Amino acid sequence: MPGFILQARRQPEEGGPPSSSPSSPATAPCRIGFTVTKKIGNAVVRNRAKRRLRAAADAVLPGHGHAGYDYVLVGRTTTRDRAFAALCEDLQKALKNIHQQRKTVITHS
């Protein structure tokens, strides 16, 4: 997406690495992380980009995130200037694309 990169991974099953919650991945809440590198700008710019990504995730994930997934939003140079509505729309599209791809991979495997 123009405003960020989204990475997703299903949380490990029982017997995998220890997790912070004892619930199974299917019922575990989705978790989110944010990263913005120094290439984006100084600390003020990076923190602003992370705040914008955090706000977009707070607005979109409750309705579009899947339980049992870990998400990472990686900020880009366009994160700081992109309209907030566009960031939210990008996140909705990215989540939809990721979960459609996962279904395709699972059904064809």
N, C-alpha and C. Protein backbone atom coordinates (compact mmCIF):
# COMPACT_ATOMS: atom_id res chain seq x y z
N MET A 1 0.84 -1.18 0.00
CA MET A 1 0.00 0.00 0.00
C MET A 1 0.88 1.24 0.00
N PRO A 2 0.38 2.33 -0.52
CA PRO A 2 1.20 3.55 -0.59
C PRO A 2 1.62 4.11 0.76
N GLY A 3 0.80 3.95 1.79
CA GLY A 3 1.10 4.57 3.08
C GLY A 3 1.92 3.71 4.04
N PHE A 4 2.02 2.40 3.80
CA PHE A 4 2.71 1.51 4.72
C PHE A 4 2.86 0.13 4.09
N ILE A 5 3.57 -0.72 4.78
CA ILE A 5 3.68 -2.13 4.41
C ILE A 5 3.00 -2.91 5.54
N LEU A 6 2.17 -3.87 5.20
CA LEU A 6 1.50 -4.69 6.20
C LEU A 6 2.04 -6.10 6.13
N GLN A 7 2.46 -6.63 7.27
CA GLN A 7 2.88 -8.02 7.38
C GLN A 7 1.93 -8.71 8.33
N ALA A 8 1.59 -9.96 8.04
CA ALA A 8 0.67 -10.71 8.90
C ALA A 8 1.18 -12.13 9.07
N ARG A 9 0.90 -12.68 10.24
CA ARG A 9 1.30 -14.04 10.53
C ARG A 9 0.31 -14.62 11.53
N ARG A 10 -0.08 -15.87 11.30
CA ARG A 10 -0.97 -16.53 12.25
C ARG A 10 -0.18 -16.81 13.52
N GLN A 11 -0.80 -16.60 14.67
CA GLN A 11 -0.13 -16.86 15.95
C GLN A 11 0.14 -18.35 16.08
N PRO A 12 1.23 -18.73 16.74
CA PRO A 12 1.60 -20.15 16.85
C PRO A 12 0.56 -20.97 17.60
N GLU A 13 0.47 -22.24 17.22
CA GLU A 13 -0.44 -23.19 17.87
C GLU A 13 0.09 -23.56 19.25
N GLU A 14 -0.71 -24.31 20.01
CA GLU A 14 -0.28 -24.83 21.30
C GLU A 14 0.98 -25.66 21.10
N GLY A 15 1.89 -25.58 22.03
CA GLY A 15 3.14 -26.32 21.92
C GLY A 15 4.21 -25.57 21.17
N GLY A 16 3.85 -24.42 20.58
CA GLY A 16 4.81 -23.59 19.88
C GLY A 16 5.54 -22.71 20.89
N PRO A 17 6.17 -21.66 20.42
CA PRO A 17 6.84 -20.74 21.34
C PRO A 17 5.84 -20.16 22.33
N PRO A 18 6.27 -19.85 23.54
CA PRO A 18 5.34 -19.30 24.52
C PRO A 18 4.72 -18.00 24.04
N SER A 19 3.46 -17.83 24.31
CA SER A 19 2.79 -16.57 23.94
C SER A 19 2.33 -15.89 25.21
N SER A 20 1.87 -14.67 25.05
CA SER A 20 1.46 -13.90 26.22
C SER A 20 0.09 -14.30 26.73
N SER A 21 -0.67 -15.07 25.94
CA SER A 21 -2.00 -15.47 26.39
C SER A 21 -2.17 -16.97 26.23
N PRO A 22 -2.88 -17.60 27.15
CA PRO A 22 -3.05 -19.05 27.09
C PRO A 22 -4.15 -19.50 26.12
N SER A 23 -4.87 -18.58 25.50
CA SER A 23 -5.96 -18.96 24.62
C SER A 23 -5.42 -19.51 23.30
N SER A 24 -6.25 -20.24 22.60
CA SER A 24 -5.84 -20.81 21.32
C SER A 24 -5.78 -19.71 20.27
N PRO A 25 -5.00 -19.90 19.19
CA PRO A 25 -4.87 -18.86 18.17
C PRO A 25 -6.19 -18.48 17.51
N ALA A 26 -7.13 -19.43 17.40
CA ALA A 26 -8.40 -19.11 16.76
C ALA A 26 -9.22 -18.12 17.58
N THR A 27 -9.03 -18.12 18.90
CA THR A 27 -9.81 -17.22 19.74
C THR A 27 -8.97 -16.09 20.32
N ALA A 28 -7.66 -16.15 20.14
CA ALA A 28 -6.78 -15.11 20.68
C ALA A 28 -7.03 -13.80 19.94
N PRO A 29 -6.98 -12.69 20.63
CA PRO A 29 -7.17 -11.41 19.93
C PRO A 29 -6.00 -11.15 18.99
N CYS A 30 -6.27 -10.38 17.95
CA CYS A 30 -5.17 -10.03 17.05
C CYS A 30 -4.23 -9.06 17.78
N ARG A 31 -2.95 -9.15 17.43
CA ARG A 31 -1.95 -8.27 18.03
C ARG A 31 -1.35 -7.43 16.91
N ILE A 32 -0.85 -6.26 17.28
CA ILE A 32 -0.32 -5.34 16.27
C ILE A 32 0.98 -4.72 16.75
N GLY A 33 1.91 -4.56 15.80
CA GLY A 33 3.17 -3.89 16.08
C GLY A 33 3.41 -2.81 15.03
N PHE A 34 4.24 -1.87 15.36
CA PHE A 34 4.52 -0.75 14.46
C PHE A 34 6.02 -0.55 14.39
N THR A 35 6.51 -0.23 13.21
CA THR A 35 7.92 0.10 13.07
C THR A 35 8.09 1.18 12.00
N VAL A 36 8.94 2.13 12.32
CA VAL A 36 9.28 3.20 11.38
C VAL A 36 10.79 3.43 11.51
N THR A 37 11.51 3.29 10.41
CA THR A 37 12.96 3.38 10.46
C THR A 37 13.45 4.83 10.40
N LYS A 38 14.73 5.00 10.65
CA LYS A 38 15.34 6.34 10.62
C LYS A 38 15.35 6.93 9.22
N LYS A 39 15.19 6.10 8.20
CA LYS A 39 15.15 6.62 6.82
C LYS A 39 13.95 7.54 6.62
N ILE A 40 12.92 7.36 7.44
CA ILE A 40 11.70 8.16 7.31
C ILE A 40 11.94 9.60 7.78
N GLY A 41 12.75 9.75 8.81
CA GLY A 41 13.02 11.10 9.33
C GLY A 41 13.53 11.04 10.75
N ASN A 42 13.56 12.20 11.38
CA ASN A 42 14.05 12.26 12.77
C ASN A 42 13.00 11.69 13.72
N ALA A 43 13.28 11.71 15.01
CA ALA A 43 12.40 11.09 16.01
C ALA A 43 11.00 11.68 16.00
N VAL A 44 10.90 12.97 15.80
CA VAL A 44 9.58 13.61 15.78
C VAL A 44 8.74 13.09 14.62
N VAL A 45 9.34 12.99 13.46
CA VAL A 45 8.64 12.50 12.26
C VAL A 45 8.27 11.03 12.44
N ARG A 46 9.20 10.23 12.96
CA ARG A 46 8.94 8.80 13.15
C ARG A 46 7.81 8.58 14.16
N ASN A 47 7.81 9.34 15.25
CA ASN A 47 6.75 9.19 16.24
C ASN A 47 5.40 9.62 15.69
N ARG A 48 5.40 10.67 14.88
CA ARG A 48 4.13 11.10 14.27
C ARG A 48 3.61 10.02 13.33
N ALA A 49 4.49 9.42 12.55
CA ALA A 49 4.08 8.34 11.64
C ALA A 49 3.52 7.16 12.43
N LYS A 50 4.16 6.80 13.53
CA LYS A 50 3.67 5.69 14.36
C LYS A 50 2.32 6.02 14.98
N ARG A 51 2.14 7.26 15.42
CA ARG A 51 0.84 7.66 15.98
C ARG A 51 -0.26 7.55 14.93
N ARG A 52 0.05 7.96 13.71
CA ARG A 52 -0.94 7.87 12.63
C ARG A 52 -1.29 6.42 12.32
N LEU A 53 -0.27 5.55 12.27
CA LEU A 53 -0.51 4.13 12.01
C LEU A 53 -1.31 3.51 13.15
N ARG A 54 -0.98 3.87 14.37
CA ARG A 54 -1.70 3.35 15.54
C ARG A 54 -3.17 3.77 15.50
N ALA A 55 -3.43 5.02 15.15
CA ALA A 55 -4.81 5.50 15.07
C ALA A 55 -5.58 4.79 13.96
N ALA A 56 -4.94 4.57 12.83
CA ALA A 56 -5.59 3.84 11.73
C ALA A 56 -5.90 2.40 12.15
N ALA A 57 -4.95 1.76 12.82
CA ALA A 57 -5.17 0.39 13.29
C ALA A 57 -6.31 0.35 14.30
N ASP A 58 -6.37 1.31 15.21
CA ASP A 58 -7.45 1.37 16.19
C ASP A 58 -8.81 1.52 15.52
N ALA A 59 -8.84 2.23 14.41
CA ALA A 59 -10.10 2.46 13.71
C ALA A 59 -10.52 1.26 12.85
N VAL A 60 -9.56 0.54 12.28
CA VAL A 60 -9.88 -0.48 11.28
C VAL A 60 -9.85 -1.91 11.84
N LEU A 61 -8.90 -2.24 12.68
CA LEU A 61 -8.72 -3.63 13.11
C LEU A 61 -9.93 -4.23 13.84
N PRO A 62 -10.65 -3.51 14.68
CA PRO A 62 -11.79 -4.16 15.34
C PRO A 62 -12.80 -4.76 14.36
N GLY A 63 -12.97 -4.15 13.21
CA GLY A 63 -13.94 -4.67 12.24
C GLY A 63 -13.34 -5.54 11.16
N HIS A 64 -12.03 -5.45 10.92
CA HIS A 64 -11.44 -6.15 9.79
C HIS A 64 -10.30 -7.09 10.16
N GLY A 65 -9.77 -6.97 11.36
CA GLY A 65 -8.70 -7.86 11.79
C GLY A 65 -9.24 -9.24 12.13
N HIS A 66 -8.41 -10.26 11.97
CA HIS A 66 -8.81 -11.63 12.27
C HIS A 66 -8.20 -12.08 13.58
N ALA A 67 -8.99 -12.76 14.38
CA ALA A 67 -8.49 -13.29 15.65
C ALA A 67 -7.37 -14.28 15.37
N GLY A 68 -6.38 -14.29 16.25
CA GLY A 68 -5.29 -15.25 16.11
C GLY A 68 -4.19 -14.83 15.15
N TYR A 69 -4.18 -13.57 14.75
CA TYR A 69 -3.14 -13.08 13.84
C TYR A 69 -2.30 -12.01 14.50
N ASP A 70 -1.05 -11.95 14.10
CA ASP A 70 -0.15 -10.87 14.47
C ASP A 70 0.04 -10.01 13.24
N TYR A 71 -0.08 -8.71 13.38
CA TYR A 71 0.11 -7.78 12.28
C TYR A 71 1.25 -6.82 12.62
N VAL A 72 2.00 -6.44 11.59
CA VAL A 72 3.04 -5.43 11.75
C VAL A 72 2.83 -4.39 10.64
N LEU A 73 2.72 -3.14 11.03
CA LEU A 73 2.63 -2.04 10.09
C LEU A 73 3.98 -1.36 10.03
N VAL A 74 4.55 -1.30 8.84
CA VAL A 74 5.85 -0.69 8.63
C VAL A 74 5.62 0.64 7.91
N GLY A 75 6.02 1.72 8.56
CA GLY A 75 5.81 3.04 7.99
C GLY A 75 6.70 3.31 6.78
N ARG A 76 6.20 4.13 5.89
CA ARG A 76 6.95 4.56 4.70
C ARG A 76 7.02 6.09 4.72
N THR A 77 7.77 6.64 3.79
CA THR A 77 7.89 8.10 3.75
C THR A 77 6.54 8.76 3.49
N THR A 78 5.65 8.10 2.80
CA THR A 78 4.34 8.69 2.50
C THR A 78 3.37 8.60 3.68
N THR A 79 3.72 7.84 4.73
CA THR A 79 2.83 7.69 5.89
C THR A 79 2.53 9.04 6.53
N ARG A 80 3.52 9.89 6.62
CA ARG A 80 3.34 11.16 7.34
C ARG A 80 2.47 12.15 6.59
N ASP A 81 2.42 12.08 5.25
CA ASP A 81 1.67 13.05 4.46
C ASP A 81 0.34 12.52 3.92
N ARG A 82 0.13 11.22 3.97
CA ARG A 82 -1.09 10.63 3.41
C ARG A 82 -2.29 11.00 4.29
N ALA A 83 -3.40 11.28 3.66
CA ALA A 83 -4.62 11.61 4.39
C ALA A 83 -5.02 10.45 5.28
N PHE A 84 -5.55 10.76 6.47
CA PHE A 84 -5.89 9.71 7.42
C PHE A 84 -6.95 8.76 6.86
N ALA A 85 -7.94 9.29 6.16
CA ALA A 85 -8.97 8.45 5.56
C ALA A 85 -8.36 7.48 4.55
N ALA A 86 -7.36 7.96 3.80
CA ALA A 86 -6.69 7.10 2.83
C ALA A 86 -5.88 6.01 3.54
N LEU A 87 -5.25 6.35 4.67
CA LEU A 87 -4.53 5.33 5.45
C LEU A 87 -5.48 4.24 5.93
N CYS A 88 -6.63 4.62 6.43
CA CYS A 88 -7.61 3.65 6.90
C CYS A 88 -8.11 2.77 5.75
N GLU A 89 -8.36 3.39 4.62
CA GLU A 89 -8.81 2.64 3.45
C GLU A 89 -7.72 1.68 2.98
N ASP A 90 -6.47 2.13 2.98
CA ASP A 90 -5.35 1.26 2.61
C ASP A 90 -5.27 0.06 3.54
N LEU A 91 -5.46 0.28 4.83
CA LEU A 91 -5.38 -0.82 5.79
C LEU A 91 -6.51 -1.82 5.56
N GLN A 92 -7.71 -1.33 5.29
CA GLN A 92 -8.82 -2.24 4.99
C GLN A 92 -8.51 -3.10 3.78
N LYS A 93 -8.00 -2.47 2.72
CA LYS A 93 -7.67 -3.21 1.49
C LYS A 93 -6.55 -4.22 1.74
N ALA A 94 -5.54 -3.81 2.49
CA ALA A 94 -4.41 -4.70 2.76
C ALA A 94 -4.85 -5.92 3.57
N LEU A 95 -5.69 -5.70 4.58
CA LEU A 95 -6.18 -6.82 5.37
C LEU A 95 -7.01 -7.77 4.51
N LYS A 96 -7.85 -7.21 3.67
CA LYS A 96 -8.68 -8.03 2.78
C LYS A 96 -7.79 -8.85 1.85
N ASN A 97 -6.77 -8.21 1.26
CA ASN A 97 -5.87 -8.91 0.34
C ASN A 97 -5.11 -10.02 1.04
N ILE A 98 -4.60 -9.75 2.22
CA ILE A 98 -3.82 -10.76 2.94
C ILE A 98 -4.67 -11.97 3.29
N HIS A 99 -5.87 -11.75 3.76
CA HIS A 99 -6.70 -12.87 4.17
C HIS A 99 -7.29 -13.61 2.98
N GLN A 100 -7.50 -12.93 1.85
CA GLN A 100 -7.94 -13.63 0.64
C GLN A 100 -6.82 -14.51 0.11
N GLN A 101 -5.59 -14.01 0.13
CA GLN A 101 -4.45 -14.81 -0.32
C GLN A 101 -4.28 -16.04 0.56
N ARG A 102 -4.43 -15.86 1.87
CA ARG A 102 -4.28 -17.00 2.79
C ARG A 102 -5.33 -18.06 2.50
N LYS A 103 -6.59 -17.67 2.23
CA LYS A 103 -7.63 -18.63 1.92
C LYS A 103 -7.30 -19.37 0.64
N THR A 104 -6.79 -18.66 -0.37
CA THR A 104 -6.43 -19.28 -1.64
C THR A 104 -5.32 -20.30 -1.43
N VAL A 105 -4.31 -19.95 -0.65
CA VAL A 105 -3.20 -20.86 -0.39
C VAL A 105 -3.68 -22.08 0.37
N ILE A 106 -4.54 -21.89 1.35
CA ILE A 106 -5.03 -23.00 2.16
C ILE A 106 -5.91 -23.93 1.33
N THR A 107 -6.79 -23.40 0.49
CA THR A 107 -7.70 -24.25 -0.27
C THR A 107 -6.99 -24.98 -1.40
N HIS A 108 -5.89 -24.44 -1.91
CA HIS A 108 -5.19 -25.10 -3.00
C HIS A 108 -4.09 -26.02 -2.54
N SER A 109 -3.75 -26.00 -1.27
CA SER A 109 -2.65 -26.83 -0.76
C SER A 109 -3.08 -28.26 -0.58
